[in-house]
PDB file of all heavy atoms in Angstrom:
ATOM      1  N   ASP A   1      97.759-162.938  -8.672  1.00  0.00           N
ATOM      2  CA  ASP A   1      98.424-163.472  -9.870  1.00  0.00           C
ATOM      3  C   ASP A   1      97.404-164.190 -10.741  1.00  0.00           C
ATOM      4  O   ASP A   1      96.982-165.303 -10.451  1.00  0.00           O
ATOM      5  CB  ASP A   1      99.537-164.444  -9.451  1.00  0.00           C
ATOM      6  CG  ASP A   1     100.139-165.175 -10.642  1.00  0.00           C
ATOM      7  OD1 ASP A   1      99.969-164.683 -11.774  1.00  0.00           O
ATOM      8  OD2 ASP A   1     100.774-166.213 -10.438  1.00  0.00           O
ATOM      9  N   TYR A   2      96.986-163.498 -11.808  1.00  0.00           N
ATOM     10  CA  TYR A   2      96.032-164.094 -12.733  1.00  0.00           C
ATOM     11  C   TYR A   2      96.706-164.556 -14.023  1.00  0.00           C
ATOM     12  O   TYR A   2      96.045-165.161 -14.871  1.00  0.00           O
ATOM     13  CB  TYR A   2      94.955-163.061 -13.110  1.00  0.00           C
ATOM     14  CG  TYR A   2      94.165-162.530 -11.943  1.00  0.00           C
ATOM     15  CD1 TYR A   2      94.019-161.153 -11.768  1.00  0.00           C
ATOM     16  CD2 TYR A   2      93.572-163.395 -11.029  1.00  0.00           C
ATOM     17  CE1 TYR A   2      93.286-160.646 -10.708  1.00  0.00           C
ATOM     18  CE2 TYR A   2      92.835-162.888  -9.961  1.00  0.00           C
ATOM     19  CZ  TYR A   2      92.698-161.517  -9.797  1.00  0.00           C
ATOM     20  OH  TYR A   2      91.972-161.022  -8.749  1.00  0.00           O
ATOM     21  N   THR A   3      97.981-164.236 -14.190  1.00  0.00           N
ATOM     22  CA  THR A   3      98.636-164.459 -15.477  1.00  0.00           C
ATOM     23  C   THR A   3      98.573-165.912 -15.920  1.00  0.00           C
ATOM     24  O   THR A   3      98.229-166.212 -17.070  1.00  0.00           O
ATOM     25  CB  THR A   3     100.111-163.998 -15.426  1.00  0.00           C
ATOM     26  OG1 THR A   3     100.145-162.642 -14.975  1.00  0.00           O
ATOM     27  CG2 THR A   3     100.755-164.101 -16.801  1.00  0.00           C
ATOM     28  N   THR A   4      98.923-166.827 -15.024  1.00  0.00           N
ATOM     29  CA  THR A   4      98.931-168.239 -15.392  1.00  0.00           C
ATOM     30  C   THR A   4      97.537-168.703 -15.801  1.00  0.00           C
ATOM     31  O   THR A   4      97.370-169.410 -16.801  1.00  0.00           O
ATOM     32  CB  THR A   4      99.464-169.099 -14.235  1.00  0.00           C
ATOM     33  OG1 THR A   4     100.742-168.613 -13.840  1.00  0.00           O
ATOM     34  CG2 THR A   4      99.589-170.551 -14.664  1.00  0.00           C
ATOM     35  N   GLU A   5      96.529-168.298 -15.037  1.00  0.00           N
ATOM     36  CA  GLU A   5      95.158-168.697 -15.361  1.00  0.00           C
ATOM     37  C   GLU A   5      94.725-168.134 -16.713  1.00  0.00           C
ATOM     38  O   GLU A   5      94.097-168.829 -17.520  1.00  0.00           O
ATOM     39  CB  GLU A   5      94.203-168.211 -14.275  1.00  0.00           C
ATOM     40  CG  GLU A   5      94.413-168.850 -12.913  1.00  0.00           C
ATOM     41  CD  GLU A   5      93.467-168.264 -11.874  1.00  0.00           C
ATOM     42  OE1 GLU A   5      92.254-168.175 -12.164  1.00  0.00           O
ATOM     43  OE2 GLU A   5      93.941-167.863 -10.802  1.00  0.00           O
ATOM     44  N   VAL A   6      95.072-166.881 -16.951  1.00  0.00           N
ATOM     45  CA  VAL A   6      94.705-166.254 -18.217  1.00  0.00           C
ATOM     46  C   VAL A   6      95.367-166.970 -19.382  1.00  0.00           C
ATOM     47  O   VAL A   6      94.732-167.270 -20.403  1.00  0.00           O
ATOM     48  CB  VAL A   6      95.092-164.757 -18.207  1.00  0.00           C
ATOM     49  CG1 VAL A   6      94.986-164.174 -19.618  1.00  0.00           C
ATOM     50  CG2 VAL A   6      94.190-163.988 -17.247  1.00  0.00           C
ATOM     51  N   ILE A   7      96.649-167.271 -19.238  1.00  0.00           N
ATOM     52  CA  ILE A   7      97.381-167.958 -20.303  1.00  0.00           C
ATOM     53  C   ILE A   7      96.782-169.339 -20.558  1.00  0.00           C
ATOM     54  O   ILE A   7      96.570-169.744 -21.713  1.00  0.00           O
ATOM     55  CB  ILE A   7      98.876-168.076 -19.953  1.00  0.00           C
ATOM     56  CG1 ILE A   7      99.526-166.686 -19.989  1.00  0.00           C
ATOM     57  CG2 ILE A   7      99.592-169.022 -20.917  1.00  0.00           C
ATOM     58  CD1 ILE A   7     100.973-166.672 -19.523  1.00  0.00           C
ATOM     59  N   GLN A   8      96.470-170.065 -19.486  1.00  0.00           N
ATOM     60  CA  GLN A   8      95.887-171.397 -19.631  1.00  0.00           C
ATOM     61  C   GLN A   8      94.542-171.329 -20.348  1.00  0.00           C
ATOM     62  O   GLN A   8      94.163-172.254 -21.073  1.00  0.00           O
ATOM     63  CB  GLN A   8      95.718-172.048 -18.260  1.00  0.00           C
ATOM     64  CG  GLN A   8      97.021-172.469 -17.578  1.00  0.00           C
ATOM     65  CD  GLN A   8      97.752-173.564 -18.321  1.00  0.00           C
ATOM     66  OE1 GLN A   8      98.899-173.398 -18.723  1.00  0.00           O
ATOM     67  NE2 GLN A   8      97.098-174.698 -18.530  1.00  0.00           N
ATOM     68  N   SER A   9      93.828-170.203 -20.177  1.00  0.00           N
ATOM     69  CA  SER A   9      92.505-170.082 -20.794  1.00  0.00           C
ATOM     70  C   SER A   9      92.580-169.813 -22.295  1.00  0.00           C
ATOM     71  O   SER A   9      91.580-169.955 -22.997  1.00  0.00           O
ATOM     72  CB  SER A   9      91.723-168.939 -20.128  1.00  0.00           C
ATOM     73  OG  SER A   9      92.248-167.670 -20.508  1.00  0.00           O
ATOM     74  N   LEU A  10      93.784-169.443 -22.796  1.00  0.00           N
ATOM     75  CA  LEU A  10      93.907-169.096 -24.209  1.00  0.00           C
ATOM     76  C   LEU A  10      93.938-170.315 -25.126  1.00  0.00           C
ATOM     77  O   LEU A  10      93.600-170.225 -26.302  1.00  0.00           O
ATOM     78  CB  LEU A  10      95.171-168.254 -24.425  1.00  0.00           C
ATOM     79  CG  LEU A  10      95.163-166.863 -23.783  1.00  0.00           C
ATOM     80  CD1 LEU A  10      96.526-166.194 -23.939  1.00  0.00           C
ATOM     81  CD2 LEU A  10      94.066-165.994 -24.384  1.00  0.00           C
ATOM     82  N   GLY A  11      94.380-171.452 -24.607  1.00  0.00           N
ATOM     83  CA  GLY A  11      94.428-172.655 -25.438  1.00  0.00           C
ATOM     84  C   GLY A  11      95.440-173.660 -24.931  1.00  0.00           C
ATOM     85  O   GLY A  11      96.249-173.374 -24.039  1.00  0.00           O
ATOM     86  N   ASP A  12      95.407-174.834 -25.506  1.00  0.00           N
ATOM     87  CA  ASP A  12      96.301-175.930 -25.102  1.00  0.00           C
ATOM     88  C   ASP A  12      97.574-175.924 -25.949  1.00  0.00           C
ATOM     89  O   ASP A  12      97.567-175.390 -27.068  1.00  0.00           O
ATOM     90  CB  ASP A  12      95.573-177.272 -25.273  1.00  0.00           C
ATOM     91  CG  ASP A  12      94.401-177.406 -24.310  1.00  0.00           C
ATOM     92  OD1 ASP A  12      94.509-176.846 -23.191  1.00  0.00           O
ATOM     93  OD2 ASP A  12      93.396-178.037 -24.683  1.00  0.00           O
ATOM     94  N   PRO A  13      98.667-176.485 -25.485  1.00  0.00           N
ATOM     95  CA  PRO A  13      98.842-177.209 -24.223  1.00  0.00           C
ATOM     96  C   PRO A  13      99.083-176.315 -23.015  1.00  0.00           C
ATOM     97  O   PRO A  13      99.068-176.788 -21.879  1.00  0.00           O
ATOM     98  CB  PRO A  13     100.091-178.056 -24.502  1.00  0.00           C
ATOM     99  CG  PRO A  13     100.885-177.251 -25.471  1.00  0.00           C
ATOM    100  CD  PRO A  13      99.879-176.576 -26.347  1.00  0.00           C
ATOM    101  N   GLY A  14      99.325-175.018 -23.227  1.00  0.00           N
ATOM    102  CA  GLY A  14      99.463-174.100 -22.102  1.00  0.00           C
ATOM    103  C   GLY A  14     100.900-173.936 -21.631  1.00  0.00           C
ATOM    104  O   GLY A  14     101.853-174.067 -22.406  1.00  0.00           O
ATOM    105  N   VAL A  15     101.040-173.672 -20.345  1.00  0.00           N
ATOM    106  CA  VAL A  15     102.343-173.329 -19.757  1.00  0.00           C
ATOM    107  C   VAL A  15     103.294-174.518 -19.797  1.00  0.00           C
ATOM    108  O   VAL A  15     102.929-175.636 -19.424  1.00  0.00           O
ATOM    109  CB  VAL A  15     102.159-172.845 -18.310  1.00  0.00           C
ATOM    110  CG1 VAL A  15     103.520-172.637 -17.627  1.00  0.00           C
ATOM    111  CG2 VAL A  15     101.346-171.555 -18.271  1.00  0.00           C
ATOM    112  N   PHE A  16     104.522-174.284 -20.283  1.00  0.00           N
ATOM    113  CA  PHE A  16     105.548-175.330 -20.209  1.00  0.00           C
ATOM    114  C   PHE A  16     106.760-174.888 -19.388  1.00  0.00           C
ATOM    115  O   PHE A  16     107.616-175.705 -19.069  1.00  0.00           O
ATOM    116  CB  PHE A  16     105.975-175.803 -21.610  1.00  0.00           C
ATOM    117  CG  PHE A  16     106.588-174.750 -22.499  1.00  0.00           C
ATOM    118  CD1 PHE A  16     107.949-174.463 -22.419  1.00  0.00           C
ATOM    119  CD2 PHE A  16     105.822-174.081 -23.438  1.00  0.00           C
ATOM    120  CE1 PHE A  16     108.526-173.521 -23.254  1.00  0.00           C
ATOM    121  CE2 PHE A  16     106.389-173.135 -24.278  1.00  0.00           C
ATOM    122  CZ  PHE A  16     107.751-172.847 -24.194  1.00  0.00           C
ATOM    123  N   VAL A  17     106.845-173.617 -19.058  1.00  0.00           N
ATOM    124  CA  VAL A  17     107.874-173.121 -18.127  1.00  0.00           C
ATOM    125  C   VAL A  17     107.213-172.106 -17.211  1.00  0.00           C
ATOM    126  O   VAL A  17     106.601-171.141 -17.669  1.00  0.00           O
ATOM    127  CB  VAL A  17     109.052-172.445 -18.862  1.00  0.00           C
ATOM    128  CG1 VAL A  17     109.979-171.748 -17.859  1.00  0.00           C
ATOM    129  CG2 VAL A  17     109.837-173.450 -19.677  1.00  0.00           C
ATOM    130  N   HIS A  18     107.323-172.333 -15.904  1.00  0.00           N
ATOM    131  CA  HIS A  18     106.855-171.355 -14.917  1.00  0.00           C
ATOM    132  C   HIS A  18     107.960-171.206 -13.888  1.00  0.00           C
ATOM    133  O   HIS A  18     107.953-171.841 -12.851  1.00  0.00           O
ATOM    134  CB  HIS A  18     105.549-171.796 -14.268  1.00  0.00           C
ATOM    135  CG  HIS A  18     104.905-170.691 -13.475  1.00  0.00           C
ATOM    136  ND1 HIS A  18     103.704-170.830 -12.836  1.00  0.00           N
ATOM    137  CD2 HIS A  18     105.297-169.418 -13.230  1.00  0.00           C
ATOM    138  CE1 HIS A  18     103.389-169.706 -12.226  1.00  0.00           C
ATOM    139  NE2 HIS A  18     104.355-168.837 -12.448  1.00  0.00           N
ATOM    140  N   GLY A  19     108.915-170.362 -14.248  1.00  0.00           N
ATOM    141  CA  GLY A  19     110.067-170.145 -13.388  1.00  0.00           C
ATOM    142  C   GLY A  19     111.339-170.668 -14.031  1.00  0.00           C
ATOM    143  O   GLY A  19     111.386-171.792 -14.516  1.00  0.00           O
ATOM    144  N   ILE A  20     112.357-169.807 -14.066  1.00  0.00           N
ATOM    145  CA  ILE A  20     113.659-170.174 -14.620  1.00  0.00           C
ATOM    146  C   ILE A  20     114.726-169.881 -13.573  1.00  0.00           C
ATOM    147  O   ILE A  20     114.684-168.848 -12.901  1.00  0.00           O
ATOM    148  CB  ILE A  20     113.965-169.359 -15.904  1.00  0.00           C
ATOM    149  CG1 ILE A  20     112.851-169.563 -16.931  1.00  0.00           C
ATOM    150  CG2 ILE A  20     115.313-169.775 -16.500  1.00  0.00           C
ATOM    151  CD1 ILE A  20     112.976-168.657 -18.153  1.00  0.00           C
ATOM    152  N   SER A  21     115.664-170.789 -13.427  1.00  0.00           N
ATOM    153  CA  SER A  21     116.717-170.611 -12.419  1.00  0.00           C
ATOM    154  C   SER A  21     117.741-169.601 -12.926  1.00  0.00           C
ATOM    155  O   SER A  21     118.839-169.956 -13.368  1.00  0.00           O
ATOM    156  CB  SER A  21     117.398-171.943 -12.097  1.00  0.00           C
ATOM    157  OG  SER A  21     117.887-172.558 -13.272  1.00  0.00           O
ATOM    158  N   ILE A  22     117.330-168.337 -12.888  1.00  0.00           N
ATOM    159  CA  ILE A  22     118.161-167.247 -13.380  1.00  0.00           C
ATOM    160  C   ILE A  22     117.909-166.035 -12.502  1.00  0.00           C
ATOM    161  O   ILE A  22     116.823-165.864 -11.941  1.00  0.00           O
ATOM    162  CB  ILE A  22     117.813-166.937 -14.857  1.00  0.00           C
ATOM    163  CG1 ILE A  22     118.768-165.913 -15.450  1.00  0.00           C
ATOM    164  CG2 ILE A  22     116.384-166.465 -14.985  1.00  0.00           C
ATOM    165  CD1 ILE A  22     118.559-165.683 -16.943  1.00  0.00           C
ATOM    166  N   LYS A  23     118.919-165.204 -12.334  1.00  0.00           N
ATOM    167  CA  LYS A  23     118.779-163.974 -11.565  1.00  0.00           C
ATOM    168  C   LYS A  23     119.398-162.842 -12.364  1.00  0.00           C
ATOM    169  O   LYS A  23     120.566-162.934 -12.748  1.00  0.00           O
ATOM    170  CB  LYS A  23     119.464-164.110 -10.216  1.00  0.00           C
ATOM    171  CG  LYS A  23     119.297-162.879  -9.324  1.00  0.00           C
ATOM    172  CD  LYS A  23     120.000-163.070  -7.987  1.00  0.00           C
ATOM    173  CE  LYS A  23     119.813-161.833  -7.108  1.00  0.00           C
ATOM    174  NZ  LYS A  23     120.497-161.988  -5.800  1.00  0.00           N
ATOM    175  N   PRO A  24     118.624-161.782 -12.675  1.00  0.00           N
ATOM    176  CA  PRO A  24     117.219-161.599 -12.315  1.00  0.00           C
ATOM    177  C   PRO A  24     116.293-162.291 -13.308  1.00  0.00           C
ATOM    178  O   PRO A  24     116.711-162.611 -14.404  1.00  0.00           O
ATOM    179  CB  PRO A  24     117.054-160.081 -12.408  1.00  0.00           C
ATOM    180  CG  PRO A  24     117.999-159.685 -13.505  1.00  0.00           C
ATOM    181  CD  PRO A  24     119.177-160.606 -13.377  1.00  0.00           C
ATOM    182  N   GLY A  25     115.054-162.518 -12.898  1.00  0.00           N
ATOM    183  CA  GLY A  25     114.065-163.013 -13.842  1.00  0.00           C
ATOM    184  C   GLY A  25     113.460-164.359 -13.550  1.00  0.00           C
ATOM    185  O   GLY A  25     112.823-164.952 -14.415  1.00  0.00           O
ATOM    186  N   LYS A  26     113.590-164.866 -12.308  1.00  0.00           N
ATOM    187  CA  LYS A  26     113.070-166.201 -12.015  1.00  0.00           C
ATOM    188  C   LYS A  26     111.582-166.366 -12.344  1.00  0.00           C
ATOM    189  O   LYS A  26     111.200-167.367 -12.959  1.00  0.00           O
ATOM    190  CB  LYS A  26     113.332-166.549 -10.547  1.00  0.00           C
ATOM    191  CG  LYS A  26     112.873-167.945 -10.174  1.00  0.00           C
ATOM    192  CD  LYS A  26     113.201-168.257  -8.726  1.00  0.00           C
ATOM    193  CE  LYS A  26     112.715-169.653  -8.343  1.00  0.00           C
ATOM    194  NZ  LYS A  26     113.027-169.979  -6.939  1.00  0.00           N
ATOM    195  N   PRO A  27     110.712-165.411 -11.937  1.00  0.00           N
ATOM    196  CA  PRO A  27     109.272-165.623 -12.202  1.00  0.00           C
ATOM    197  C   PRO A  27     108.893-165.332 -13.643  1.00  0.00           C
ATOM    198  O   PRO A  27     108.261-164.317 -13.956  1.00  0.00           O
ATOM    199  CB  PRO A  27     108.609-164.644 -11.227  1.00  0.00           C
ATOM    200  CG  PRO A  27     109.593-163.538 -11.098  1.00  0.00           C
ATOM    201  CD  PRO A  27     110.951-164.175 -11.176  1.00  0.00           C
ATOM    202  N   THR A  28     109.248-166.225 -14.532  1.00  0.00           N
ATOM    203  CA  THR A  28     108.981-166.081 -15.966  1.00  0.00           C
ATOM    204  C   THR A  28     108.078-167.215 -16.427  1.00  0.00           C
ATOM    205  O   THR A  28     108.255-168.358 -16.008  1.00  0.00           O
ATOM    206  CB  THR A  28     110.294-166.103 -16.760  1.00  0.00           C
ATOM    207  OG1 THR A  28     111.110-165.001 -16.343  1.00  0.00           O
ATOM    208  CG2 THR A  28     110.046-166.027 -18.253  1.00  0.00           C
ATOM    209  N   ILE A  29     107.134-166.886 -17.296  1.00  0.00           N
ATOM    210  CA  ILE A  29     106.215-167.901 -17.820  1.00  0.00           C
ATOM    211  C   ILE A  29     106.386-168.007 -19.331  1.00  0.00           C
ATOM    212  O   ILE A  29     106.439-166.997 -20.034  1.00  0.00           O
ATOM    213  CB  ILE A  29     104.745-167.537 -17.503  1.00  0.00           C
ATOM    214  CG1 ILE A  29     104.527-167.447 -15.992  1.00  0.00           C
ATOM    215  CG2 ILE A  29     103.792-168.568 -18.116  1.00  0.00           C
ATOM    216  CD1 ILE A  29     103.156-166.924 -15.616  1.00  0.00           C
ATOM    217  N   LEU A  30     106.470-169.221 -19.830  1.00  0.00           N
ATOM    218  CA  LEU A  30     106.472-169.486 -21.263  1.00  0.00           C
ATOM    219  C   LEU A  30     105.390-170.507 -21.550  1.00  0.00           C
ATOM    220  O   LEU A  30     105.256-171.500 -20.821  1.00  0.00           O
ATOM    221  CB  LEU A  30     107.827-170.006 -21.722  1.00  0.00           C
ATOM    222  CG  LEU A  30     109.016-169.045 -21.566  1.00  0.00           C
ATOM    223  CD1 LEU A  30     110.323-169.757 -21.914  1.00  0.00           C
ATOM    224  CD2 LEU A  30     108.837-167.812 -22.423  1.00  0.00           C
ATOM    225  N   ALA A  31     104.637-170.267 -22.610  1.00  0.00           N
ATOM    226  CA  ALA A  31     103.523-171.167 -22.919  1.00  0.00           C
ATOM    227  C   ALA A  31     103.281-171.204 -24.422  1.00  0.00           C
ATOM    228  O   ALA A  31     103.764-170.350 -25.168  1.00  0.00           O
ATOM    229  CB  ALA A  31     102.254-170.700 -22.197  1.00  0.00           C
ATOM    230  N   VAL A  32     102.526-172.208 -24.845  1.00  0.00           N
ATOM    231  CA  VAL A  32     102.023-172.279 -26.213  1.00  0.00           C
ATOM    232  C   VAL A  32     100.522-172.516 -26.119  1.00  0.00           C
ATOM    233  O   VAL A  32     100.071-173.465 -25.478  1.00  0.00           O
ATOM    234  CB  VAL A  32     102.693-173.411 -27.016  1.00  0.00           C
ATOM    235  CG1 VAL A  32     102.005-173.558 -28.366  1.00  0.00           C
ATOM    236  CG2 VAL A  32     104.168-173.131 -27.210  1.00  0.00           C
ATOM    237  N   ALA A  33      99.756-171.610 -26.740  1.00  0.00           N
ATOM    238  CA  ALA A  33      98.303-171.729 -26.726  1.00  0.00           C
ATOM    239  C   ALA A  33      97.810-171.909 -28.153  1.00  0.00           C
ATOM    240  O   ALA A  33      97.860-170.971 -28.950  1.00  0.00           O
ATOM    241  CB  ALA A  33      97.683-170.489 -26.087  1.00  0.00           C
ATOM    242  N   ASP A  34      97.376-173.122 -28.460  1.00  0.00           N
ATOM    243  CA  ASP A  34      96.904-173.435 -29.819  1.00  0.00           C
ATOM    244  C   ASP A  34      97.905-172.998 -30.889  1.00  0.00           C
ATOM    245  O   ASP A  34      97.543-172.398 -31.910  1.00  0.00           O
ATOM    246  CB  ASP A  34      95.537-172.782 -30.076  1.00  0.00           C
ATOM    247  CG  ASP A  34      94.438-173.432 -29.250  1.00  0.00           C
ATOM    248  OD1 ASP A  34      94.623-174.590 -28.829  1.00  0.00           O
ATOM    249  OD2 ASP A  34      93.405-172.778 -29.021  1.00  0.00           O
ATOM    250  N   GLY A  35      99.170-173.292 -30.649  1.00  0.00           N
ATOM    251  CA  GLY A  35     100.226-173.026 -31.622  1.00  0.00           C
ATOM    252  C   GLY A  35     100.898-171.677 -31.493  1.00  0.00           C
ATOM    253  O   GLY A  35     101.944-171.452 -32.107  1.00  0.00           O
ATOM    254  N   LYS A  36     100.317-170.757 -30.710  1.00  0.00           N
ATOM    255  CA  LYS A  36     100.922-169.436 -30.540  1.00  0.00           C
ATOM    256  C   LYS A  36     101.683-169.354 -29.223  1.00  0.00           C
ATOM    257  O   LYS A  36     101.142-169.719 -28.169  1.00  0.00           O
ATOM    258  CB  LYS A  36      99.850-168.343 -30.554  1.00  0.00           C
ATOM    259  CG  LYS A  36      99.198-168.085 -31.888  1.00  0.00           C
ATOM    260  CD  LYS A  36      98.260-166.897 -31.783  1.00  0.00           C
ATOM    261  CE  LYS A  36      97.528-166.646 -33.104  1.00  0.00           C
ATOM    262  NZ  LYS A  36      96.625-165.477 -33.006  1.00  0.00           N
ATOM    263  N   PRO A  37     102.921-168.848 -29.251  1.00  0.00           N
ATOM    264  CA  PRO A  37     103.649-168.689 -28.002  1.00  0.00           C
ATOM    265  C   PRO A  37     103.125-167.509 -27.192  1.00  0.00           C
ATOM    266  O   PRO A  37     102.682-166.501 -27.739  1.00  0.00           O
ATOM    267  CB  PRO A  37     105.095-168.442 -28.453  1.00  0.00           C
ATOM    268  CG  PRO A  37     104.996-167.955 -29.841  1.00  0.00           C
ATOM    269  CD  PRO A  37     103.742-168.535 -30.424  1.00  0.00           C
ATOM    270  N   VAL A  38     103.184-167.665 -25.877  1.00  0.00           N
ATOM    271  CA  VAL A  38     102.811-166.609 -24.941  1.00  0.00           C
ATOM    272  C   VAL A  38     103.953-166.467 -23.937  1.00  0.00           C
ATOM    273  O   VAL A  38     104.451-167.463 -23.407  1.00  0.00           O
ATOM    274  CB  VAL A  38     101.498-166.931 -24.205  1.00  0.00           C
ATOM    275  CG1 VAL A  38     101.109-165.773 -23.285  1.00  0.00           C
ATOM    276  CG2 VAL A  38     100.378-167.228 -25.191  1.00  0.00           C
ATOM    277  N   ILE A  39     104.371-165.228 -23.698  1.00  0.00           N
ATOM    278  CA  ILE A  39     105.487-164.962 -22.794  1.00  0.00           C
ATOM    279  C   ILE A  39     104.989-164.110 -21.645  1.00  0.00           C
ATOM    280  O   ILE A  39     104.432-163.022 -21.848  1.00  0.00           O
ATOM    281  CB  ILE A  39     106.626-164.218 -23.519  1.00  0.00           C
ATOM    282  CG1 ILE A  39     107.101-165.015 -24.737  1.00  0.00           C
ATOM    283  CG2 ILE A  39     107.783-163.939 -22.570  1.00  0.00           C
ATOM    284  CD1 ILE A  39     108.085-164.254 -25.618  1.00  0.00           C
ATOM    285  N   GLY A  40     105.165-164.588 -20.412  1.00  0.00           N
ATOM    286  CA  GLY A  40     104.819-163.829 -19.223  1.00  0.00           C
ATOM    287  C   GLY A  40     106.092-163.322 -18.570  1.00  0.00           C
ATOM    288  O   GLY A  40     106.867-164.105 -18.017  1.00  0.00           O
ATOM    289  N   LEU A  41     106.328-162.018 -18.669  1.00  0.00           N
ATOM    290  CA  LEU A  41     107.558-161.421 -18.142  1.00  0.00           C
ATOM    291  C   LEU A  41     107.372-160.971 -16.701  1.00  0.00           C
ATOM    292  O   LEU A  41     106.269-160.556 -16.305  1.00  0.00           O
ATOM    293  CB  LEU A  41     107.958-160.211 -18.985  1.00  0.00           C
ATOM    294  CG  LEU A  41     108.295-160.454 -20.451  1.00  0.00           C
ATOM    295  CD1 LEU A  41     108.541-159.128 -21.156  1.00  0.00           C
ATOM    296  CD2 LEU A  41     109.519-161.357 -20.582  1.00  0.00           C
TER     297      LEU A  41
END
């Protein structure tokens, strides 16, 4: 799993959601890197 590391490397503040209590789809990543949103599906 490199996704989180890659997203963190794009800019700050980085990941603000890593996992959502939902089925299906718990392993979901949401982040903001230097103002741009990043979605890890």
